[in-house]
N, C-alpha and C. Protein backbone atom coordinates (compact mmCIF):
# COMPACT_ATOMS: atom_id res chain seq x y z
N UNK A 1 1.37 -1.51 -0.05
CA UNK A 1 0.20 -0.32 0.39
C UNK A 1 1.45 1.30 0.14
N UNK A 2 -0.04 1.67 -1.08
CA UNK A 2 0.99 3.08 -0.20
C UNK A 2 0.54 4.51 0.38
N UNK A 3 1.47 5.14 1.40
CA UNK A 3 1.42 6.25 2.29
C UNK A 3 2.96 7.51 2.71
N UNK A 4 1.83 8.46 2.90
CA UNK A 4 3.36 9.21 2.54
C UNK A 4 3.95 8.53 3.63
N UNK A 5 5.38 9.38 3.67
CA UNK A 5 6.41 9.48 4.22
C UNK A 5 6.58 10.95 5.33
N UNK A 6 6.80 10.87 6.16
CA UNK A 6 5.68 11.96 7.10
C UNK A 6 7.35 11.71 8.39
N UNK A 7 7.87 12.81 8.51
CA UNK A 7 8.92 12.94 9.98
C UNK A 7 7.72 11.20 11.05
N UNK A 8 6.75 11.73 10.60
CA UNK A 8 6.35 10.51 12.04
C UNK A 8 6.50 9.10 11.49
N UNK A 9 6.62 8.65 10.31
CA UNK A 9 6.47 7.38 9.91
C UNK A 9 8.34 7.12 9.94
N UNK A 10 9.08 8.29 9.39
CA UNK A 10 10.54 8.45 9.58
C UNK A 10 11.00 7.47 11.40
N UNK A 11 9.75 8.42 12.25
CA UNK A 11 9.78 7.89 13.89
C UNK A 11 9.72 6.06 14.27
N UNK A 12 8.76 6.53 13.89
CA UNK A 12 7.53 5.40 13.55
C UNK A 12 8.17 3.78 13.20
N UNK A 13 9.39 3.78 11.96
CA UNK A 13 10.05 3.25 10.96
C UNK A 13 11.98 3.78 11.56
N UNK A 14 12.23 3.88 12.41
CA UNK A 14 13.60 3.67 12.72
C UNK A 14 13.95 2.97 14.28
N UNK A 15 12.19 3.25 15.18
CA UNK A 15 11.68 2.81 16.18
C UNK A 15 11.68 1.03 16.20
N UNK A 16 11.91 1.14 14.75
CA UNK A 16 10.87 -1.19 14.59
C UNK A 16 10.21 -0.89 15.12
N UNK A 17 8.99 0.03 14.58
CA UNK A 17 7.30 -0.25 15.62
C UNK A 17 6.35 -0.65 13.88
N UNK A 18 6.02 -1.76 14.75
CA UNK A 18 5.05 -2.08 13.63
C UNK A 18 3.37 -1.51 13.47
N UNK A 19 3.40 -0.33 12.51
CA UNK A 19 1.99 -0.13 12.43
C UNK A 19 1.05 -0.62 10.91
N UNK A 20 0.25 -0.26 11.24
CA UNK A 20 -0.53 -0.40 9.24
C UNK A 20 -1.13 0.75 8.91
N UNK A 21 -0.85 1.70 8.14
CA UNK A 21 -0.70 2.64 7.42
C UNK A 21 -2.57 2.81 7.05
N UNK A 22 -3.73 3.92 7.49
CA UNK A 22 -4.70 3.32 6.26
C UNK A 22 -4.91 5.25 5.74
N UNK A 23 -4.95 4.85 4.91
CA UNK A 23 -4.72 6.21 3.49
C UNK A 23 -5.83 6.27 3.43
N UNK A 24 -7.21 7.75 3.61
CA UNK A 24 -8.80 8.21 3.61
C UNK A 24 -9.02 9.42 2.96
N UNK A 25 -9.89 9.29 2.19
CA UNK A 25 -10.10 11.31 1.68
C UNK A 25 -10.21 12.04 3.27
N UNK A 26 -9.50 13.15 3.25
CA UNK A 26 -9.55 13.92 4.44
C UNK A 26 -10.90 14.78 4.40
N UNK A 27 -12.19 14.78 5.42
CA UNK A 27 -12.80 15.94 5.38
C UNK A 27 -13.36 16.86 6.29
N UNK A 28 -12.49 17.22 5.24
CA UNK A 28 -12.67 18.75 6.96
C UNK A 28 -13.28 19.19 7.47
N UNK A 29 -12.85 19.06 8.77
CA UNK A 29 -14.19 19.52 10.37
C UNK A 29 -14.31 17.57 10.31
N UNK A 30 -14.47 16.83 10.04
CA UNK A 30 -14.69 15.80 9.36
C UNK A 30 -14.46 14.97 11.21
N UNK A 31 -13.12 14.76 11.86
CA UNK A 31 -12.44 14.80 12.68
C UNK A 31 -12.80 13.27 12.64
N UNK A 32 -12.83 12.93 14.29
CA UNK A 32 -12.13 10.91 14.62
C UNK A 32 -13.73 10.37 13.80
N UNK A 33 -14.39 10.99 13.80
CA UNK A 33 -16.41 10.77 13.69
C UNK A 33 -15.46 10.25 12.32
N UNK A 34 -15.58 10.77 11.45
CA UNK A 34 -14.93 10.69 10.50
C UNK A 34 -14.02 9.71 9.79
N UNK A 35 -13.01 9.34 10.62
CA UNK A 35 -11.96 8.44 10.81
C UNK A 35 -12.18 6.78 10.98
N UNK A 36 -13.29 7.44 11.93
CA UNK A 36 -13.59 5.89 12.70
C UNK A 36 -14.52 5.77 11.46
N UNK A 37 -15.74 5.67 11.03
CA UNK A 37 -16.26 5.67 9.73
C UNK A 37 -15.99 4.74 8.83
N UNK A 38 -15.17 5.46 8.12
CA UNK A 38 -14.34 5.09 7.16
C UNK A 38 -13.84 4.01 7.05
N UNK A 39 -12.74 3.73 8.92
CA UNK A 39 -11.76 2.78 8.90
C UNK A 39 -12.78 1.26 9.52
N UNK A 40 -13.82 1.88 9.83
CA UNK A 40 -14.75 1.02 10.66
C UNK A 40 -15.08 0.46 11.52
N UNK A 41 -14.41 1.48 12.27
CA UNK A 41 -13.73 1.21 13.83
C UNK A 41 -14.71 2.03 14.55
N UNK A 42 -14.14 1.41 16.31
CA UNK A 42 -15.79 2.44 16.94
C UNK A 42 -13.79 4.02 17.54
N UNK A 43 -14.94 4.88 17.23
CA UNK A 43 -14.62 6.32 17.49
C UNK A 43 -13.39 7.09 18.68
N UNK A 44 -13.93 5.86 20.13
CA UNK A 44 -12.79 5.67 21.31
C UNK A 44 -11.52 5.31 20.99
N UNK A 45 -11.29 3.82 19.81
CA UNK A 45 -9.93 3.58 19.62
C UNK A 45 -8.74 4.25 18.46
N UNK A 46 -10.27 5.32 18.62
CA UNK A 46 -9.45 6.86 17.22
C UNK A 46 -8.90 7.43 18.41
N UNK A 47 -6.72 8.13 18.32
CA UNK A 47 -7.03 8.85 19.21
C UNK A 47 -6.39 9.40 18.59
N UNK A 48 -7.12 11.52 19.07
CA UNK A 48 -6.34 12.73 18.62
C UNK A 48 -5.79 13.20 19.39
N UNK A 49 -5.07 13.89 18.31
CA UNK A 49 -3.61 14.33 19.09
C UNK A 49 -3.89 16.25 18.93
N UNK A 50 -3.51 16.97 20.04
CA UNK A 50 -4.29 17.34 20.40
C UNK A 50 -2.79 18.67 21.33
N UNK A 51 -3.04 19.67 20.81
CA UNK A 51 -1.85 20.50 21.46
C UNK A 51 -2.98 21.82 21.36
N UNK A 52 -1.75 21.89 22.82
CA UNK A 52 -2.62 23.37 24.38
C UNK A 52 -0.85 23.77 24.26
N UNK A 53 -1.62 24.84 24.99
CA UNK A 53 -0.68 25.32 26.20
C UNK A 53 -0.65 25.59 27.67
N UNK A 54 0.17 26.46 28.76
CA UNK A 54 -0.47 26.96 29.71
C UNK A 54 -0.77 27.91 29.72
N UNK A 55 -0.50 28.64 30.60
CA UNK A 55 -1.39 30.41 30.67
C UNK A 55 0.26 30.72 30.73
N UNK A 56 1.17 29.71 31.11
CA UNK A 56 2.44 30.85 30.54
C UNK A 56 3.46 30.15 29.47
N UNK A 57 1.82 29.67 28.65
CA UNK A 57 3.06 29.40 27.28
C UNK A 57 3.04 28.01 26.70
N UNK A 58 3.99 27.65 27.90
CA UNK A 58 4.57 25.95 27.33
C UNK A 58 3.91 25.39 27.61
N UNK A 59 3.95 25.02 25.70
CA UNK A 59 3.33 23.85 24.55
C UNK A 59 3.05 23.00 25.81
N UNK A 60 2.00 21.86 25.35
CA UNK A 60 2.26 20.36 25.95
C UNK A 60 1.14 19.73 24.89
N UNK A 61 1.26 18.52 25.17
CA UNK A 61 0.43 17.22 23.58
C UNK A 61 -0.30 16.61 24.21
N UNK A 62 -1.77 17.06 23.82
CA UNK A 62 -2.58 15.87 24.88
C UNK A 62 -3.38 14.35 24.01
N UNK A 63 -2.66 13.11 24.20
CA UNK A 63 -3.85 12.78 23.13
C UNK A 63 -5.30 12.29 23.72
N UNK A 64 -5.77 11.69 23.26
CA UNK A 64 -7.29 11.58 23.93
C UNK A 64 -8.17 11.09 22.66
N UNK A 65 -9.42 10.28 23.58
CA UNK A 65 -9.94 9.80 22.67
C UNK A 65 -10.43 10.05 21.73
N UNK A 66 -11.11 9.70 20.38
CA UNK A 66 -12.11 10.58 20.03
C UNK A 66 -13.14 10.92 20.09
N UNK A 67 -14.20 10.48 21.23
CA UNK A 67 -15.18 10.90 21.37
C UNK A 67 -15.26 11.50 22.46
N UNK A 68 -14.42 11.99 22.63
CA UNK A 68 -13.94 12.11 24.17
C UNK A 68 -13.42 13.75 24.18
N UNK A 69 -13.54 14.53 25.43
CA UNK A 69 -12.93 15.86 25.22
C UNK A 69 -11.83 16.08 26.19
N UNK A 70 -11.36 16.94 26.40
CA UNK A 70 -10.73 17.37 27.36
C UNK A 70 -10.83 17.85 27.98
N UNK A 71 -11.40 17.26 29.43
CA UNK A 71 -11.74 19.41 30.65
C UNK A 71 -10.19 20.03 31.68
N UNK A 72 -10.12 21.12 29.63
CA UNK A 72 -9.27 22.40 30.64
C UNK A 72 -9.33 22.53 32.27
N UNK A 73 -9.88 21.81 32.41
CA UNK A 73 -9.65 22.47 33.99
C UNK A 73 -9.03 21.23 34.79
N UNK A 74 -9.47 19.86 34.40
CA UNK A 74 -8.58 18.93 35.26
C UNK A 74 -7.50 19.04 34.60
N UNK A 75 -7.01 18.58 33.82
CA UNK A 75 -6.16 19.10 33.38
C UNK A 75 -4.74 20.07 33.78
N UNK A 76 -6.04 20.55 34.49
CA UNK A 76 -4.50 22.33 34.72
C UNK A 76 -4.01 21.61 36.69
N UNK A 77 -5.76 21.42 36.80
CA UNK A 77 -5.05 21.11 38.06
C UNK A 77 -4.28 19.89 38.94
N UNK A 78 -4.22 18.95 37.60
CA UNK A 78 -3.34 17.39 37.17
C UNK A 78 -1.85 18.59 37.42
N UNK A 79 -1.58 19.73 36.33
CA UNK A 79 0.03 19.88 36.09
C UNK A 79 0.02 21.51 36.95
N UNK A 80 -1.01 21.24 37.99
CA UNK A 80 -0.60 22.42 39.18
C UNK A 80 -0.24 23.52 38.43
N UNK A 81 -1.32 24.24 37.92
CA UNK A 81 -1.18 25.63 37.03
C UNK A 81 -2.65 25.83 36.94
N UNK A 82 -2.32 27.61 36.64
CA UNK A 82 -3.48 27.88 36.48
C UNK A 82 -4.25 27.92 35.47
N UNK A 83 -3.82 27.54 34.29
CA UNK A 83 -4.40 26.86 33.48
C UNK A 83 -4.17 27.02 32.08
N UNK A 84 -4.89 26.21 31.07
CA UNK A 84 -4.70 25.29 29.95
C UNK A 84 -5.42 25.34 28.94
N UNK A 85 -5.20 26.16 27.61
CA UNK A 85 -5.88 26.72 26.27
C UNK A 85 -5.55 26.12 25.48
N UNK A 86 -6.29 24.88 24.30
CA UNK A 86 -5.76 24.69 22.68
C UNK A 86 -5.09 25.77 22.36
N UNK A 87 -3.91 26.18 21.76
CA UNK A 87 -3.42 26.89 20.32
C UNK A 87 -4.06 26.86 19.99
N UNK A 88 -4.15 28.20 18.71
CA UNK A 88 -5.10 28.77 17.38
C UNK A 88 -4.24 27.66 16.54
N UNK A 89 -5.25 26.86 15.95
CA UNK A 89 -4.48 26.14 14.63
C UNK A 89 -2.77 26.45 13.99
N UNK A 90 -2.04 27.10 13.86
CA UNK A 90 -1.15 28.28 13.07
C UNK A 90 -1.20 27.63 14.33
N UNK A 91 -0.53 27.94 15.37
CA UNK A 91 0.38 28.06 16.32
C UNK A 91 0.65 26.02 16.56
N UNK A 92 -0.64 25.54 16.26
CA UNK A 92 -0.25 23.90 16.88
C UNK A 92 0.42 23.81 15.17
N UNK A 93 0.78 24.53 14.12
CA UNK A 93 1.21 24.35 12.83
C UNK A 93 2.86 24.46 13.17
N UNK A 94 2.67 25.00 13.86
CA UNK A 94 3.71 25.96 14.01
C UNK A 94 5.14 25.11 14.40
N UNK A 95 4.21 24.84 16.08
CA UNK A 95 5.07 23.54 16.91
C UNK A 95 4.97 22.06 16.49
N UNK A 96 4.45 21.42 15.63
CA UNK A 96 4.34 20.22 15.25
C UNK A 96 5.55 20.07 13.57
N UNK A 97 5.42 21.43 12.92
CA UNK A 97 5.93 21.41 11.65
C UNK A 97 4.51 20.58 10.73
N UNK A 98 3.38 20.08 11.57
CA UNK A 98 1.94 19.13 11.15
C UNK A 98 1.33 20.15 10.59
N UNK A 99 0.03 20.17 9.53
CA UNK A 99 -1.34 20.68 9.45
C UNK A 99 -1.93 20.59 10.79
N UNK A 100 -2.60 21.18 11.38
CA UNK A 100 -3.88 20.51 12.18
C UNK A 100 -4.73 19.66 11.49
N UNK A 101 -5.37 18.80 11.95
CA UNK A 101 -5.43 18.39 10.92
C UNK A 101 -4.83 16.27 10.32
N UNK A 102 -3.64 17.33 11.11
CA UNK A 102 -3.33 16.12 10.47
C UNK A 102 -1.67 16.07 11.66
N UNK A 103 -2.14 15.93 12.46
CA UNK A 103 -1.20 16.26 13.89
C UNK A 103 -0.99 14.78 13.97
N UNK A 104 0.12 15.14 14.24
CA UNK A 104 0.83 13.45 14.69
C UNK A 104 1.84 13.98 15.79
N UNK A 105 1.34 13.05 17.04
CA UNK A 105 2.55 13.10 18.40
C UNK A 105 4.25 13.28 17.61
N UNK A 106 4.13 11.86 16.69
CA UNK A 106 5.53 11.58 16.66
C UNK A 106 6.77 12.22 15.69
N UNK A 107 7.73 12.94 15.50
CA UNK A 107 7.90 13.85 15.18
C UNK A 107 7.80 14.79 15.02
N UNK A 108 7.74 16.12 15.95
CA UNK A 108 6.91 16.58 15.94
C UNK A 108 8.30 17.67 16.13
N UNK A 109 8.24 19.33 14.89
CA UNK A 109 8.80 20.33 15.43
C UNK A 109 9.62 20.40 16.98
N UNK A 110 9.04 20.22 17.95
CA UNK A 110 9.41 21.85 19.45
C UNK A 110 8.70 20.29 19.97
N UNK A 111 10.36 19.74 20.29
CA UNK A 111 9.77 18.45 22.11
C UNK A 111 8.74 19.35 22.95
N UNK A 112 7.25 18.55 23.26
CA UNK A 112 6.56 18.39 23.85
C UNK A 112 6.29 17.67 25.00
N UNK A 113 5.85 18.16 25.66
CA UNK A 113 5.27 16.96 26.96
C UNK A 113 3.78 16.13 26.56
N UNK A 114 4.28 14.99 26.86
CA UNK A 114 2.73 14.40 26.34
C UNK A 114 1.90 14.03 27.58
N UNK A 115 0.76 14.00 27.45
CA UNK A 115 -0.90 13.42 28.20
C UNK A 115 -1.04 12.98 28.27
N UNK A 116 -1.76 11.91 27.83
CA UNK A 116 -2.14 10.30 27.14
C UNK A 116 -3.15 10.12 28.46
N UNK A 117 -4.86 10.39 27.70
CA UNK A 117 -5.40 9.71 28.73
C UNK A 117 -5.09 8.38 28.78
N UNK A 118 -5.46 8.11 30.56
CA UNK A 118 -5.13 6.80 30.78
C UNK A 118 -6.10 5.24 29.97
N UNK A 119 -7.33 5.18 30.12
CA UNK A 119 -7.70 4.35 29.41
C UNK A 119 -7.67 4.44 27.24
N UNK A 120 -6.82 4.79 27.43
CA UNK A 120 -6.10 4.94 26.21
C UNK A 120 -5.43 3.17 26.19
N UNK A 121 -4.92 2.96 27.07
CA UNK A 121 -4.13 1.35 27.36
C UNK A 121 -4.97 0.59 27.72
N UNK A 122 -6.10 0.71 27.34
CA UNK A 122 -6.79 0.10 28.31
C UNK A 122 -7.09 -1.44 26.60
N UNK A 123 -6.67 -0.07 25.65
CA UNK A 123 -7.48 -0.49 23.99
C UNK A 123 -6.66 -1.78 23.29
N UNK A 124 -6.70 -2.52 22.91
CA UNK A 124 -5.83 -3.45 21.48
C UNK A 124 -5.23 -2.53 20.85
N UNK A 125 -5.29 -1.83 19.65
CA UNK A 125 -5.46 -1.08 19.18
C UNK A 125 -5.67 -0.09 18.87
N UNK A 126 -4.96 1.36 18.62
CA UNK A 126 -5.08 1.84 18.39
C UNK A 126 -4.59 2.71 17.39
N UNK A 127 -5.80 3.81 16.84
CA UNK A 127 -5.74 4.82 15.13
C UNK A 127 -4.81 6.07 15.07
N UNK A 128 -3.69 6.10 15.33
CA UNK A 128 -3.30 7.89 15.82
C UNK A 128 -3.05 8.23 14.45
N UNK A 129 -3.06 9.55 13.99
CA UNK A 129 -2.61 9.95 13.02
C UNK A 129 -1.38 10.09 12.95
N UNK A 130 -0.86 9.83 11.27
CA UNK A 130 0.20 9.81 10.46
C UNK A 130 1.11 10.74 10.24
N UNK A 131 0.41 11.80 10.35
CA UNK A 131 1.18 12.86 9.77
C UNK A 131 0.60 13.70 9.03
N UNK A 132 -0.39 13.49 8.49
CA UNK A 132 -1.83 13.51 7.49
C UNK A 132 -2.40 13.95 7.61
N UNK A 133 -3.30 14.94 7.21
CA UNK A 133 -5.02 14.52 6.81
C UNK A 133 -4.75 14.04 6.21
N UNK A 134 -6.27 12.57 7.05
CA UNK A 134 -6.37 11.39 5.80
C UNK A 134 -5.83 10.58 5.72
N UNK A 135 -4.46 10.35 6.81
CA UNK A 135 -3.63 8.96 7.16
C UNK A 135 -3.24 8.65 8.27
N UNK A 136 -4.36 7.69 8.78
CA UNK A 136 -3.69 7.14 10.54
C UNK A 136 -2.97 5.28 10.88
N UNK A 137 -2.40 5.95 11.05
CA UNK A 137 -1.79 4.84 11.26
C UNK A 137 -2.19 3.19 13.05
N UNK A 138 -2.65 2.25 12.83
CA UNK A 138 -2.56 1.45 14.05
C UNK A 138 -1.78 0.77 13.88
N UNK A 139 -0.85 1.50 15.22
CA UNK A 139 -0.66 0.88 16.25
C UNK A 139 -1.05 1.05 18.15
N UNK A 140 -0.10 -0.67 17.93
CA UNK A 140 -0.52 -0.67 19.36
C UNK A 140 -0.52 0.18 21.23
N UNK A 141 -0.96 0.62 22.02
CA UNK A 141 -1.17 1.41 22.68
C UNK A 141 0.54 1.43 23.05
N UNK A 142 0.41 0.81 23.45
CA UNK A 142 1.98 -0.21 24.03
C UNK A 142 3.12 1.35 23.97
N UNK A 143 3.23 1.05 22.67
CA UNK A 143 3.93 1.64 21.29
C UNK A 143 3.85 3.34 22.00
N UNK A 144 3.29 3.86 22.51
CA UNK A 144 3.25 5.02 22.64
C UNK A 144 4.40 5.28 24.04
N UNK A 145 4.25 4.53 24.74
CA UNK A 145 4.76 4.94 25.85
C UNK A 145 6.11 4.27 25.67
N UNK A 146 6.04 3.93 24.72
CA UNK A 146 7.71 3.11 24.31
C UNK A 146 8.65 4.72 23.49
N UNK A 147 8.21 5.47 23.07
CA UNK A 147 8.63 6.06 22.12
C UNK A 147 8.90 7.89 21.77
N UNK A 148 7.47 8.19 23.14
CA UNK A 148 7.12 9.31 23.90
C UNK A 148 7.15 9.26 25.10
N UNK A 149 7.92 10.01 25.67
CA UNK A 149 7.63 11.37 26.97
C UNK A 149 6.21 10.55 28.04
N UNK A 150 5.49 10.08 27.71
CA UNK A 150 4.48 10.03 28.08
C UNK A 150 3.87 9.92 30.03
N UNK A 151 2.91 10.49 30.19
CA UNK A 151 2.47 10.88 32.30
C UNK A 151 0.95 10.19 31.55
N UNK A 152 0.83 9.74 32.20
CA UNK A 152 -0.95 9.35 32.19
C UNK A 152 -2.30 9.96 32.44
N UNK A 153 -2.71 9.94 32.55
CA UNK A 153 -3.72 11.27 33.02
C UNK A 153 -4.80 10.82 32.43
N UNK A 154 -6.38 11.17 33.21
CA UNK A 154 -7.83 11.42 33.77
C UNK A 154 -8.61 12.58 33.59
N UNK A 155 -8.93 12.79 31.96
CA UNK A 155 -8.77 14.27 31.68
C UNK A 155 -9.85 14.15 31.24
N UNK A 156 -10.57 13.22 29.92
CA UNK A 156 -11.20 13.10 29.24
C UNK A 156 -13.06 12.86 30.48
N UNK A 157 -13.75 13.75 29.48
CA UNK A 157 -15.22 13.89 29.20
C UNK A 157 -15.92 13.73 28.25
N UNK A 158 -17.22 13.85 27.88
CA UNK A 158 -18.18 13.75 26.94
C UNK A 158 -18.32 14.65 26.27
N UNK A 159 -18.21 14.73 25.41
CA UNK A 159 -18.85 16.10 24.84
C UNK A 159 -20.05 16.57 24.86
């Protein structure tokens, strides 16, 4: 199968991670629901890579189930800071080197701490962005801990 060779894919190859690529038509504002429908998987198994920043403008990554949203209040409480907010798409693009909708936690331009929803690790397989819009890779969630500086958090809430 033909798939894009992004910085994320280079990291996965370099770390000898087994992954299954999925390329599909990207739909603007389709989000994880669209990805899940196309791949015929639970939206809960599609993991979003979200870029936030603290009130001190320190960027961070949050990996969250596709069917949940991040409680910024809870995340700020866990990090013992005043507040956390999503960055603008332009800033996310600058920090990661990826376009929003194609953000992968692997191979980002800027090194950032990564916080992952604890229950992601209960799944057998996750579908996470491969670094391009309309491109997901299926991997074992334990891989995340092997190649990213992950801290588990419980910040997911239903939308």
